[in-house]
């Protein structure tokens, strides 16, 4: 494999003008939000073979994945007709059960 090379950084996307004349901010991509200093490892043909990311970016990605997992679990429980309770109540029930 060749040495890793740094990709050029991208400027944040500019707001777009909608048909109504109101400026709306462009939707930020995952790369815009989390991957500030990405470096790719390329093979001998120049094809991307791996990615190096900073530890801060890695931790933010993990946090987002955990949040998405929680959202999916909630949506699945809701679709199955499970009883939905407030977060504080759930924590209190878990703490009571742990005693």
Foldseek 3Di string as FASTA:
>chain_A
DDDKDWDDFDDQDQWDQDPVRDTDGDDGDLCRVQAGTKIFDADPVRHGDDIDGDPRSVVVVVVVVVVVVVVVVVVVCVVVVHDDDDPVVVVVVVVVVVD
